[in-house]
Amino acid sequence: MAWNTEETRRRLKEAATDEFAAHGLHGTTMDRIAARAGINKERLYNYFGGKQQLFAIVLSDELAKAAAAVPITSLREEDIGEYAGRVFDYHAAHPQLLRLLHWEALTYGHQEIPDEQSRTAYYRAKVEAVASAQRDGLVAGQPDAAHLLFLVLSMSLWWFAVPQVASMVTGSDPDNPAERARRRAATVTAARRLAHTSDRQWNPRIQ
């Protein structure tokens, strides 16, 4: 039955996501993914092909979830600081995505990136949202839109990319809710100041 097939695919992808996030492309085996899902390995190959194809599918799916959860279509309705805060929140709740991106970087560098064309289009749409805000005077004209977006994403993600460094620098426990709130607030403020938007409660009418 169709629903049975979809449930099997879902379980296999969830198992693959966990394994790839923990061990990377080269450290993960199809045997372990199948065992984790409790499903015959032959089905794994039938549904997803080889390990590289499966890694690309898993990463694309996780990026699609992030794109849907944290859109940036216009900076008229939301300022860049709150966008940075939402990115922070998403990665705090979904640590696997950043781990997958780490493994991708270690595996591929900047060569032969899986699904590069469609992913680039997704990021370019975000860059255009920032560029549009720059043209409208809602965001400072420098740095340019692409670099500004990358810097905002970096400051939102770096807390989770190197949590040991964050703890050493701040001297704080990242699992403490009050510290998590301080880190988010710092990210929001820093993004606003980088973009030269108001550090007060944001109002698109106040320039």
N, C-alpha and C. Protein backbone atom coordinates (compact mmCIF):
# COMPACT_ATOMS: atom_id res chain seq x y z
N MET A 1 0.84 -1.20 0.00
CA MET A 1 0.00 0.00 0.00
C MET A 1 0.88 1.25 0.00
N ALA A 2 0.33 2.33 -0.58
CA ALA A 2 1.11 3.55 -0.74
C ALA A 2 1.57 4.09 0.60
N TRP A 3 0.66 4.10 1.60
CA TRP A 3 1.04 4.67 2.88
C TRP A 3 2.16 3.87 3.54
N ASN A 4 2.19 2.56 3.27
CA ASN A 4 3.23 1.72 3.81
C ASN A 4 4.58 2.10 3.23
N THR A 5 4.60 2.36 1.94
CA THR A 5 5.83 2.77 1.28
C THR A 5 6.32 4.10 1.83
N GLU A 6 5.42 5.04 1.99
CA GLU A 6 5.80 6.35 2.50
C GLU A 6 6.31 6.27 3.94
N GLU A 7 5.69 5.43 4.74
CA GLU A 7 6.14 5.26 6.12
C GLU A 7 7.54 4.64 6.15
N THR A 8 7.77 3.68 5.28
CA THR A 8 9.09 3.06 5.20
C THR A 8 10.15 4.08 4.79
N ARG A 9 9.84 4.89 3.77
CA ARG A 9 10.77 5.92 3.32
C ARG A 9 11.04 6.93 4.44
N ARG A 10 9.98 7.29 5.16
CA ARG A 10 10.15 8.26 6.25
C ARG A 10 11.08 7.72 7.31
N ARG A 11 10.88 6.48 7.71
CA ARG A 11 11.72 5.89 8.75
C ARG A 11 13.17 5.76 8.29
N LEU A 12 13.36 5.39 7.04
CA LEU A 12 14.72 5.28 6.52
C LEU A 12 15.41 6.64 6.47
N LYS A 13 14.68 7.68 6.04
CA LYS A 13 15.28 9.01 5.98
C LYS A 13 15.59 9.54 7.38
N GLU A 14 14.72 9.29 8.33
CA GLU A 14 14.99 9.73 9.70
C GLU A 14 16.24 9.03 10.25
N ALA A 15 16.35 7.73 10.00
CA ALA A 15 17.53 6.99 10.46
C ALA A 15 18.78 7.51 9.77
N ALA A 16 18.68 7.78 8.46
CA ALA A 16 19.82 8.29 7.71
C ALA A 16 20.24 9.67 8.22
N THR A 17 19.27 10.51 8.53
CA THR A 17 19.57 11.84 9.05
C THR A 17 20.36 11.74 10.35
N ASP A 18 19.90 10.88 11.25
CA ASP A 18 20.60 10.70 12.53
C ASP A 18 22.02 10.17 12.32
N GLU A 19 22.16 9.19 11.45
CA GLU A 19 23.48 8.59 11.23
C GLU A 19 24.44 9.55 10.54
N PHE A 20 23.97 10.23 9.50
CA PHE A 20 24.84 11.17 8.79
C PHE A 20 25.23 12.35 9.69
N ALA A 21 24.29 12.83 10.49
CA ALA A 21 24.62 13.94 11.39
C ALA A 21 25.67 13.53 12.41
N ALA A 22 25.61 12.30 12.86
CA ALA A 22 26.55 11.82 13.88
C ALA A 22 27.90 11.41 13.30
N HIS A 23 27.89 10.82 12.09
CA HIS A 23 29.11 10.18 11.58
C HIS A 23 29.58 10.69 10.23
N GLY A 24 28.81 11.53 9.55
CA GLY A 24 29.20 12.02 8.25
C GLY A 24 28.98 11.00 7.15
N LEU A 25 29.27 11.42 5.92
CA LEU A 25 29.06 10.54 4.77
C LEU A 25 29.95 9.31 4.84
N HIS A 26 31.24 9.49 5.08
CA HIS A 26 32.16 8.36 5.05
C HIS A 26 32.08 7.49 6.29
N GLY A 27 31.64 8.05 7.40
CA GLY A 27 31.57 7.28 8.63
C GLY A 27 30.27 6.52 8.81
N THR A 28 29.33 6.74 7.93
CA THR A 28 28.03 6.08 8.01
C THR A 28 27.99 4.90 7.05
N THR A 29 27.30 3.84 7.45
CA THR A 29 27.11 2.69 6.57
C THR A 29 25.63 2.48 6.29
N MET A 30 25.35 1.94 5.13
CA MET A 30 23.96 1.64 4.79
C MET A 30 23.41 0.55 5.71
N ASP A 31 24.27 -0.37 6.14
CA ASP A 31 23.84 -1.40 7.09
C ASP A 31 23.32 -0.78 8.38
N ARG A 32 24.05 0.23 8.89
CA ARG A 32 23.66 0.83 10.16
C ARG A 32 22.38 1.65 10.01
N ILE A 33 22.22 2.32 8.88
CA ILE A 33 20.99 3.07 8.64
C ILE A 33 19.80 2.12 8.63
N ALA A 34 19.92 1.03 7.88
CA ALA A 34 18.82 0.06 7.78
C ALA A 34 18.51 -0.54 9.14
N ALA A 35 19.56 -0.89 9.90
CA ALA A 35 19.35 -1.47 11.23
C ALA A 35 18.67 -0.47 12.15
N ARG A 36 19.08 0.78 12.08
CA ARG A 36 18.48 1.81 12.94
C ARG A 36 16.99 1.98 12.63
N ALA A 37 16.65 1.88 11.34
CA ALA A 37 15.25 2.02 10.93
C ALA A 37 14.46 0.73 11.13
N GLY A 38 15.17 -0.39 11.32
CA GLY A 38 14.50 -1.67 11.45
C GLY A 38 13.90 -2.14 10.15
N ILE A 39 14.58 -1.84 9.04
CA ILE A 39 14.07 -2.15 7.71
C ILE A 39 15.17 -2.80 6.89
N ASN A 40 14.79 -3.72 6.02
CA ASN A 40 15.75 -4.44 5.19
C ASN A 40 16.60 -3.49 4.37
N LYS A 41 17.91 -3.76 4.32
CA LYS A 41 18.84 -2.87 3.60
C LYS A 41 18.50 -2.79 2.12
N GLU A 42 17.96 -3.84 1.53
CA GLU A 42 17.63 -3.81 0.11
C GLU A 42 16.61 -2.72 -0.20
N ARG A 43 15.67 -2.51 0.71
CA ARG A 43 14.70 -1.44 0.50
C ARG A 43 15.36 -0.08 0.51
N LEU A 44 16.36 0.06 1.37
CA LEU A 44 17.09 1.33 1.43
C LEU A 44 17.73 1.64 0.08
N TYR A 45 18.39 0.66 -0.51
CA TYR A 45 18.99 0.85 -1.82
C TYR A 45 17.92 1.08 -2.90
N ASN A 46 16.83 0.34 -2.82
CA ASN A 46 15.78 0.48 -3.82
C ASN A 46 15.16 1.87 -3.81
N TYR A 47 14.96 2.42 -2.62
CA TYR A 47 14.30 3.71 -2.50
C TYR A 47 15.24 4.88 -2.78
N PHE A 48 16.50 4.76 -2.38
CA PHE A 48 17.37 5.94 -2.40
C PHE A 48 18.67 5.77 -3.17
N GLY A 49 18.93 4.61 -3.72
CA GLY A 49 20.19 4.42 -4.42
C GLY A 49 21.33 4.25 -3.43
N GLY A 50 22.50 4.76 -3.79
CA GLY A 50 23.68 4.60 -2.95
C GLY A 50 23.76 5.62 -1.83
N LYS A 51 24.83 5.54 -1.08
CA LYS A 51 25.00 6.37 0.11
C LYS A 51 25.13 7.85 -0.23
N GLN A 52 25.85 8.17 -1.28
CA GLN A 52 26.01 9.57 -1.65
C GLN A 52 24.69 10.20 -2.05
N GLN A 53 23.90 9.47 -2.82
CA GLN A 53 22.58 9.98 -3.20
C GLN A 53 21.70 10.19 -1.98
N LEU A 54 21.78 9.26 -1.05
CA LEU A 54 20.97 9.37 0.17
C LEU A 54 21.41 10.57 1.01
N PHE A 55 22.71 10.80 1.12
CA PHE A 55 23.19 11.96 1.86
C PHE A 55 22.67 13.24 1.24
N ALA A 56 22.71 13.33 -0.09
CA ALA A 56 22.22 14.52 -0.79
C ALA A 56 20.73 14.73 -0.54
N ILE A 57 19.96 13.65 -0.55
CA ILE A 57 18.52 13.74 -0.32
C ILE A 57 18.25 14.21 1.11
N VAL A 58 18.95 13.63 2.06
CA VAL A 58 18.75 14.00 3.47
C VAL A 58 19.06 15.47 3.69
N LEU A 59 20.20 15.93 3.17
CA LEU A 59 20.59 17.32 3.36
C LEU A 59 19.62 18.27 2.67
N SER A 60 19.19 17.94 1.46
CA SER A 60 18.23 18.78 0.75
C SER A 60 16.91 18.87 1.51
N ASP A 61 16.48 17.74 2.05
CA ASP A 61 15.22 17.74 2.82
C ASP A 61 15.33 18.61 4.06
N GLU A 62 16.45 18.51 4.77
CA GLU A 62 16.63 19.30 5.98
C GLU A 62 16.72 20.79 5.66
N LEU A 63 17.37 21.13 4.56
CA LEU A 63 17.43 22.53 4.14
C LEU A 63 16.06 23.05 3.73
N ALA A 64 15.28 22.21 3.09
CA ALA A 64 13.92 22.61 2.70
C ALA A 64 13.05 22.88 3.93
N LYS A 65 13.21 22.07 4.95
CA LYS A 65 12.47 22.29 6.20
C LYS A 65 12.87 23.63 6.82
N ALA A 66 14.16 23.92 6.82
CA ALA A 66 14.63 25.19 7.38
C ALA A 66 14.10 26.36 6.57
N ALA A 67 14.11 26.23 5.24
CA ALA A 67 13.62 27.31 4.38
C ALA A 67 12.16 27.60 4.64
N ALA A 68 11.37 26.56 4.85
CA ALA A 68 9.95 26.74 5.11
C ALA A 68 9.71 27.34 6.49
N ALA A 69 10.55 26.96 7.45
CA ALA A 69 10.35 27.43 8.82
C ALA A 69 10.88 28.84 9.05
N VAL A 70 11.93 29.22 8.30
CA VAL A 70 12.57 30.52 8.52
C VAL A 70 12.69 31.26 7.18
N PRO A 71 11.56 31.69 6.63
CA PRO A 71 11.63 32.40 5.35
C PRO A 71 12.12 33.84 5.54
N ILE A 72 12.63 34.42 4.48
CA ILE A 72 12.93 35.84 4.48
C ILE A 72 12.54 36.36 3.09
N THR A 73 11.34 36.86 2.98
CA THR A 73 10.84 37.34 1.70
C THR A 73 10.84 38.86 1.63
N SER A 74 10.69 39.51 2.78
CA SER A 74 10.67 40.97 2.80
C SER A 74 11.13 41.46 4.16
N LEU A 75 11.95 42.50 4.15
CA LEU A 75 12.38 43.12 5.41
C LEU A 75 11.56 44.36 5.70
N ARG A 76 10.40 44.45 5.08
CA ARG A 76 9.44 45.50 5.44
C ARG A 76 8.58 45.06 6.62
N GLU A 77 8.25 43.78 6.66
CA GLU A 77 7.41 43.26 7.73
C GLU A 77 8.21 42.82 8.95
N GLU A 78 9.49 42.51 8.74
CA GLU A 78 10.33 42.00 9.83
C GLU A 78 11.73 42.56 9.65
N ASP A 79 12.37 42.97 10.75
CA ASP A 79 13.72 43.51 10.59
C ASP A 79 14.74 42.38 10.59
N ILE A 80 15.94 42.71 10.17
CA ILE A 80 16.97 41.70 9.99
C ILE A 80 17.41 41.09 11.32
N GLY A 81 17.25 41.83 12.40
CA GLY A 81 17.58 41.30 13.72
C GLY A 81 16.67 40.15 14.12
N GLU A 82 15.38 40.33 13.91
CA GLU A 82 14.45 39.25 14.27
C GLU A 82 14.62 38.06 13.33
N TYR A 83 14.98 38.32 12.08
CA TYR A 83 15.30 37.20 11.20
C TYR A 83 16.48 36.41 11.77
N ALA A 84 17.52 37.12 12.21
CA ALA A 84 18.66 36.44 12.83
C ALA A 84 18.23 35.66 14.06
N GLY A 85 17.31 36.21 14.83
CA GLY A 85 16.81 35.51 16.01
C GLY A 85 16.06 34.25 15.65
N ARG A 86 15.30 34.29 14.57
CA ARG A 86 14.56 33.09 14.15
C ARG A 86 15.51 32.01 13.63
N VAL A 87 16.57 32.44 12.94
CA VAL A 87 17.58 31.47 12.51
C VAL A 87 18.23 30.83 13.74
N PHE A 88 18.57 31.64 14.72
CA PHE A 88 19.13 31.13 15.98
C PHE A 88 18.18 30.10 16.60
N ASP A 89 16.91 30.44 16.69
CA ASP A 89 15.93 29.53 17.30
C ASP A 89 15.83 28.21 16.55
N TYR A 90 15.83 28.30 15.22
CA TYR A 90 15.67 27.08 14.43
C TYR A 90 16.84 26.13 14.66
N HIS A 91 18.04 26.66 14.65
CA HIS A 91 19.20 25.78 14.80
C HIS A 91 19.37 25.30 16.24
N ALA A 92 18.87 26.07 17.19
CA ALA A 92 18.85 25.57 18.57
C ALA A 92 17.95 24.35 18.68
N ALA A 93 16.85 24.36 17.94
CA ALA A 93 15.89 23.26 18.00
C ALA A 93 16.23 22.12 17.05
N HIS A 94 17.05 22.38 16.03
CA HIS A 94 17.36 21.38 15.00
C HIS A 94 18.87 21.31 14.78
N PRO A 95 19.63 20.81 15.73
CA PRO A 95 21.09 20.80 15.62
C PRO A 95 21.63 19.93 14.51
N GLN A 96 20.85 18.99 14.02
CA GLN A 96 21.34 18.07 13.00
C GLN A 96 21.70 18.78 11.70
N LEU A 97 20.96 19.83 11.33
CA LEU A 97 21.22 20.49 10.05
C LEU A 97 22.63 21.05 10.01
N LEU A 98 23.04 21.73 11.05
CA LEU A 98 24.38 22.31 11.07
C LEU A 98 25.45 21.22 11.03
N ARG A 99 25.19 20.11 11.69
CA ARG A 99 26.15 19.00 11.65
C ARG A 99 26.26 18.43 10.24
N LEU A 100 25.13 18.32 9.57
CA LEU A 100 25.15 17.84 8.18
C LEU A 100 25.95 18.79 7.29
N LEU A 101 25.78 20.08 7.49
CA LEU A 101 26.53 21.06 6.70
C LEU A 101 28.02 20.98 7.00
N HIS A 102 28.36 20.73 8.27
CA HIS A 102 29.77 20.53 8.62
C HIS A 102 30.35 19.33 7.87
N TRP A 103 29.63 18.23 7.90
CA TRP A 103 30.12 17.03 7.22
C TRP A 103 30.22 17.25 5.72
N GLU A 104 29.26 17.99 5.17
CA GLU A 104 29.32 18.28 3.74
C GLU A 104 30.59 19.07 3.42
N ALA A 105 30.90 20.08 4.23
CA ALA A 105 32.09 20.89 4.00
C ALA A 105 33.36 20.04 4.09
N LEU A 106 33.42 19.15 5.06
CA LEU A 106 34.58 18.29 5.21
C LEU A 106 34.71 17.29 4.07
N THR A 107 33.58 16.88 3.52
CA THR A 107 33.59 15.88 2.47
C THR A 107 33.84 16.48 1.09
N TYR A 108 33.16 17.58 0.81
CA TYR A 108 33.20 18.13 -0.54
C TYR A 108 33.99 19.43 -0.67
N GLY A 109 34.20 20.14 0.45
CA GLY A 109 34.76 21.48 0.33
C GLY A 109 33.79 22.36 -0.44
N HIS A 110 34.28 23.05 -1.46
CA HIS A 110 33.38 23.84 -2.31
C HIS A 110 33.27 23.21 -3.70
N GLN A 111 33.63 21.94 -3.82
CA GLN A 111 33.58 21.24 -5.10
C GLN A 111 32.44 20.22 -5.12
N GLU A 112 31.74 20.14 -6.22
CA GLU A 112 30.73 19.09 -6.44
C GLU A 112 29.74 19.00 -5.30
N ILE A 113 29.21 20.14 -4.92
CA ILE A 113 28.26 20.20 -3.80
C ILE A 113 26.94 19.58 -4.22
N PRO A 114 26.36 18.69 -3.42
CA PRO A 114 25.08 18.08 -3.78
C PRO A 114 23.98 19.12 -3.97
N ASP A 115 23.22 18.98 -5.05
CA ASP A 115 22.05 19.83 -5.32
C ASP A 115 22.43 21.32 -5.31
N GLU A 116 23.61 21.62 -5.81
CA GLU A 116 24.13 22.99 -5.68
C GLU A 116 23.26 24.01 -6.40
N GLN A 117 22.76 23.68 -7.57
CA GLN A 117 22.02 24.67 -8.36
C GLN A 117 20.76 25.15 -7.66
N SER A 118 19.95 24.21 -7.17
CA SER A 118 18.70 24.62 -6.52
C SER A 118 18.97 25.29 -5.18
N ARG A 119 20.01 24.84 -4.47
CA ARG A 119 20.33 25.46 -3.19
C ARG A 119 20.86 26.88 -3.39
N THR A 120 21.65 27.08 -4.43
CA THR A 120 22.14 28.42 -4.72
C THR A 120 20.99 29.36 -5.03
N ALA A 121 20.00 28.88 -5.78
CA ALA A 121 18.83 29.71 -6.09
C ALA A 121 18.09 30.11 -4.82
N TYR A 122 18.01 29.20 -3.88
CA TYR A 122 17.35 29.47 -2.60
C TYR A 122 18.08 30.58 -1.85
N TYR A 123 19.40 30.50 -1.80
CA TYR A 123 20.17 31.54 -1.10
C TYR A 123 20.13 32.87 -1.85
N ARG A 124 20.14 32.80 -3.18
CA ARG A 124 20.10 34.05 -3.94
C ARG A 124 18.79 34.79 -3.71
N ALA A 125 17.70 34.05 -3.50
CA ALA A 125 16.41 34.69 -3.19
C ALA A 125 16.50 35.44 -1.86
N LYS A 126 17.21 34.87 -0.90
CA LYS A 126 17.41 35.55 0.37
C LYS A 126 18.27 36.80 0.19
N VAL A 127 19.31 36.68 -0.63
CA VAL A 127 20.16 37.84 -0.91
C VAL A 127 19.33 38.96 -1.54
N GLU A 128 18.44 38.60 -2.45
CA GLU A 128 17.62 39.62 -3.11
C GLU A 128 16.69 40.31 -2.12
N ALA A 129 16.19 39.58 -1.12
CA ALA A 129 15.36 40.21 -0.10
C ALA A 129 16.14 41.27 0.66
N VAL A 130 17.41 40.98 0.96
CA VAL A 130 18.25 41.96 1.64
C VAL A 130 18.56 43.12 0.70
N ALA A 131 18.88 42.81 -0.56
CA ALA A 131 19.19 43.87 -1.53
C ALA A 131 18.00 44.80 -1.72
N SER A 132 16.80 44.23 -1.76
CA SER A 132 15.60 45.05 -1.89
C SER A 132 15.45 46.00 -0.71
N ALA A 133 15.74 45.50 0.49
CA ALA A 133 15.66 46.35 1.68
C ALA A 133 16.72 47.44 1.63
N GLN A 134 17.88 47.13 1.08
CA GLN A 134 18.91 48.16 0.92
C GLN A 134 18.45 49.25 -0.05
N ARG A 135 17.85 48.82 -1.15
CA ARG A 135 17.37 49.81 -2.13
C ARG A 135 16.29 50.70 -1.54
N ASP A 136 15.50 50.14 -0.62
CA ASP A 136 14.41 50.90 0.00
C ASP A 136 14.88 51.70 1.21
N GLY A 137 16.16 51.60 1.55
CA GLY A 137 16.69 52.35 2.67
C GLY A 137 16.37 51.76 4.03
N LEU A 138 15.90 50.51 4.06
CA LEU A 138 15.59 49.86 5.33
C LEU A 138 16.83 49.23 5.96
N VAL A 139 17.83 48.98 5.15
CA VAL A 139 19.07 48.34 5.58
C VAL A 139 20.22 49.12 4.96
N ALA A 140 21.31 49.23 5.69
CA ALA A 140 22.48 49.96 5.20
C ALA A 140 22.98 49.36 3.88
N GLY A 141 23.53 50.20 3.03
CA GLY A 141 23.99 49.76 1.72
C GLY A 141 25.27 48.96 1.75
N GLN A 142 26.02 49.02 2.85
CA GLN A 142 27.24 48.26 3.00
C GLN A 142 27.24 47.54 4.35
N PRO A 143 27.73 46.31 4.42
CA PRO A 143 28.27 45.49 3.34
C PRO A 143 27.23 45.20 2.27
N ASP A 144 27.67 44.71 1.10
CA ASP A 144 26.71 44.37 0.05
C ASP A 144 25.79 43.25 0.54
N ALA A 145 24.68 43.07 -0.14
CA ALA A 145 23.61 42.20 0.35
C ALA A 145 24.08 40.77 0.61
N ALA A 146 24.87 40.21 -0.29
CA ALA A 146 25.31 38.82 -0.12
C ALA A 146 26.19 38.67 1.11
N HIS A 147 27.14 39.59 1.28
CA HIS A 147 28.03 39.50 2.43
C HIS A 147 27.30 39.79 3.73
N LEU A 148 26.36 40.72 3.69
CA LEU A 148 25.58 41.02 4.88
C LEU A 148 24.77 39.81 5.31
N LEU A 149 24.11 39.16 4.36
CA LEU A 149 23.32 37.97 4.69
C LEU A 149 24.22 36.89 5.28
N PHE A 150 25.37 36.67 4.67
CA PHE A 150 26.25 35.61 5.17
C PHE A 150 26.72 35.92 6.59
N LEU A 151 27.04 37.18 6.87
CA LEU A 151 27.48 37.55 8.21
C LEU A 151 26.36 37.36 9.23
N VAL A 152 25.13 37.71 8.85
CA VAL A 152 24.00 37.53 9.77
C VAL A 152 23.78 36.05 10.04
N LEU A 153 23.82 35.23 8.99
CA LEU A 153 23.68 33.79 9.20
C LEU A 153 24.80 33.26 10.08
N SER A 154 26.01 33.74 9.86
CA SER A 154 27.16 33.26 10.63
C SER A 154 27.01 33.56 12.11
N MET A 155 26.62 34.79 12.43
CA MET A 155 26.50 35.13 13.85
C MET A 155 25.35 34.37 14.52
N SER A 156 24.36 33.98 13.72
CA SER A 156 23.24 33.21 14.27
C SER A 156 23.63 31.75 14.51
N LEU A 157 24.51 31.22 13.65
CA LEU A 157 24.83 29.81 13.69
C LEU A 157 26.05 29.45 14.52
N TRP A 158 26.98 30.39 14.68
CA TRP A 158 28.27 30.05 15.25
C TRP A 158 28.17 29.58 16.70
N TRP A 159 27.15 30.03 17.41
CA TRP A 159 26.92 29.54 18.77
C TRP A 159 26.83 28.01 18.79
N PHE A 160 26.20 27.46 17.75
CA PHE A 160 25.94 26.01 17.70
C PHE A 160 27.03 25.27 16.94
N ALA A 161 27.78 26.01 16.10
CA ALA A 161 28.86 25.37 15.34
C ALA A 161 30.03 25.01 16.25
N VAL A 162 30.35 25.90 17.19
CA VAL A 162 31.47 25.66 18.12
C VAL A 162 30.99 25.95 19.54
N PRO A 163 30.11 25.12 20.08
CA PRO A 163 29.56 25.38 21.41
C PRO A 163 30.62 25.41 22.50
N GLN A 164 31.70 24.63 22.32
CA GLN A 164 32.76 24.62 23.33
C GLN A 164 33.46 25.97 23.38
N VAL A 165 33.67 26.59 22.22
CA VAL A 165 34.30 27.91 22.19
C VAL A 165 33.36 28.95 22.79
N ALA A 166 32.07 28.85 22.44
CA ALA A 166 31.09 29.79 23.00
C ALA A 166 31.08 29.73 24.52
N SER A 167 31.16 28.52 25.07
CA SER A 167 31.16 28.38 26.53
C SER A 167 32.43 28.94 27.15
N MET A 168 33.58 28.71 26.48
CA MET A 168 34.83 29.23 27.02
C MET A 168 34.86 30.75 26.98
N VAL A 169 34.34 31.33 25.90
CA VAL A 169 34.35 32.78 25.76
C VAL A 169 33.40 33.43 26.76
N THR A 170 32.18 32.89 26.87
CA THR A 170 31.17 33.51 27.72
C THR A 170 31.23 33.03 29.16
N GLY A 171 31.87 31.89 29.40
CA GLY A 171 31.90 31.33 30.74
C GLY A 171 30.54 30.87 31.22
N SER A 172 29.66 30.54 30.28
CA SER A 172 28.28 30.21 30.63
C SER A 172 27.88 28.85 30.08
N ASP A 173 26.89 28.27 30.72
CA ASP A 173 26.33 26.98 30.31
C ASP A 173 25.32 27.21 29.19
N PRO A 174 25.53 26.65 27.99
CA PRO A 174 24.61 26.88 26.88
C PRO A 174 23.23 26.28 27.10
N ASP A 175 23.13 25.32 28.03
CA ASP A 175 21.83 24.70 28.30
C ASP A 175 21.00 25.49 29.30
N ASN A 176 21.59 26.53 29.87
CA ASN A 176 20.85 27.38 30.79
C ASN A 176 19.89 28.28 29.99
N PRO A 177 18.58 28.22 30.26
CA PRO A 177 17.63 29.01 29.47
C PRO A 177 17.93 30.51 29.48
N ALA A 178 18.40 31.03 30.61
CA ALA A 178 18.71 32.46 30.67
C ALA A 178 19.89 32.80 29.77
N GLU A 179 20.89 31.91 29.73
CA GLU A 179 22.03 32.14 28.85
C GLU A 179 21.62 32.02 27.39
N ARG A 180 20.76 31.05 27.08
CA ARG A 180 20.27 30.91 25.71
C ARG A 180 19.55 32.19 25.28
N ALA A 181 18.76 32.76 26.16
CA ALA A 181 18.05 34.01 25.84
C ALA A 181 19.03 35.16 25.63
N ARG A 182 20.09 35.22 26.44
CA ARG A 182 21.09 36.28 26.27
C ARG A 182 21.81 36.15 24.93
N ARG A 183 22.11 34.93 24.56
CA ARG A 183 22.79 34.72 23.28
C ARG A 183 21.89 35.13 22.11
N ARG A 184 20.62 34.79 22.22
CA ARG A 184 19.69 35.19 21.15
C ARG A 184 19.58 36.71 21.09
N ALA A 185 19.45 37.35 22.24
CA ALA A 185 19.32 38.81 22.27
C ALA A 185 20.57 39.48 21.70
N ALA A 186 21.73 38.94 22.02
CA ALA A 186 22.98 39.49 21.49
C ALA A 186 23.03 39.35 19.97
N THR A 187 22.54 38.22 19.47
CA THR A 187 22.53 37.99 18.03
C THR A 187 21.60 38.98 17.33
N VAL A 188 20.42 39.19 17.89
CA VAL A 188 19.46 40.14 17.31
C VAL A 188 20.05 41.55 17.29
N THR A 189 20.62 41.97 18.41
CA THR A 189 21.20 43.31 18.50
C THR A 189 22.36 43.48 17.53
N ALA A 190 23.23 42.47 17.46
CA ALA A 190 24.40 42.56 16.57
C ALA A 190 23.97 42.62 15.12
N ALA A 191 22.96 41.85 14.74
CA ALA A 191 22.49 41.88 13.34
C ALA A 191 21.91 43.25 13.00
N ARG A 192 21.16 43.82 13.93
CA ARG A 192 20.59 45.15 13.67
C ARG A 192 21.69 46.20 13.53
N ARG A 193 22.68 46.13 14.38
CA ARG A 193 23.74 47.13 14.32
C ARG A 193 24.61 46.95 13.08
N LEU A 194 24.82 45.69 12.69
CA LEU A 194 25.57 45.43 11.47
C LEU A 194 24.85 46.03 10.26
N ALA A 195 23.51 45.92 10.28
CA ALA A 195 22.71 46.45 9.18
C ALA A 195 22.32 47.91 9.39
N HIS A 196 22.76 48.49 10.52
CA HIS A 196 22.49 49.88 10.85
C HIS A 196 20.99 50.16 11.00
N THR A 197 20.24 49.15 11.46
CA THR A 197 18.83 49.38 11.77
C THR A 197 18.71 49.70 13.24
N SER A 198 17.54 50.14 13.65
CA SER A 198 17.34 50.59 15.02
C SER A 198 17.52 49.46 16.01
N ASP A 199 18.20 49.75 17.12
CA ASP A 199 18.36 48.77 18.19
C ASP A 199 17.14 48.76 19.11
N ARG A 200 16.23 49.70 18.88
CA ARG A 200 15.00 49.74 19.67
C ARG A 200 13.98 48.77 19.08
N GLN A 201 12.80 48.71 19.66
CA GLN A 201 11.72 47.94 19.07
C GLN A 201 11.57 48.39 17.63
N TRP A 202 11.70 47.43 16.70
CA TRP A 202 11.80 47.81 15.30
C TRP A 202 10.49 48.36 14.77
N ASN A 203 10.60 49.42 13.99
CA ASN A 203 9.45 50.02 13.35
C ASN A 203 9.88 50.44 11.95
N PRO A 204 9.27 49.86 10.89
CA PRO A 204 9.71 50.17 9.54
C PRO A 204 9.52 51.63 9.16
N ARG A 205 8.73 52.40 9.93
CA ARG A 205 8.53 53.81 9.63
C ARG A 205 9.63 54.68 10.23
N ILE A 206 10.41 54.09 11.16
CA ILE A 206 11.48 54.86 11.80
C ILE A 206 12.79 54.55 11.08
N GLN A 207 13.37 55.54 10.47
CA GLN A 207 14.63 55.35 9.73
C GLN A 207 15.73 56.10 10.46
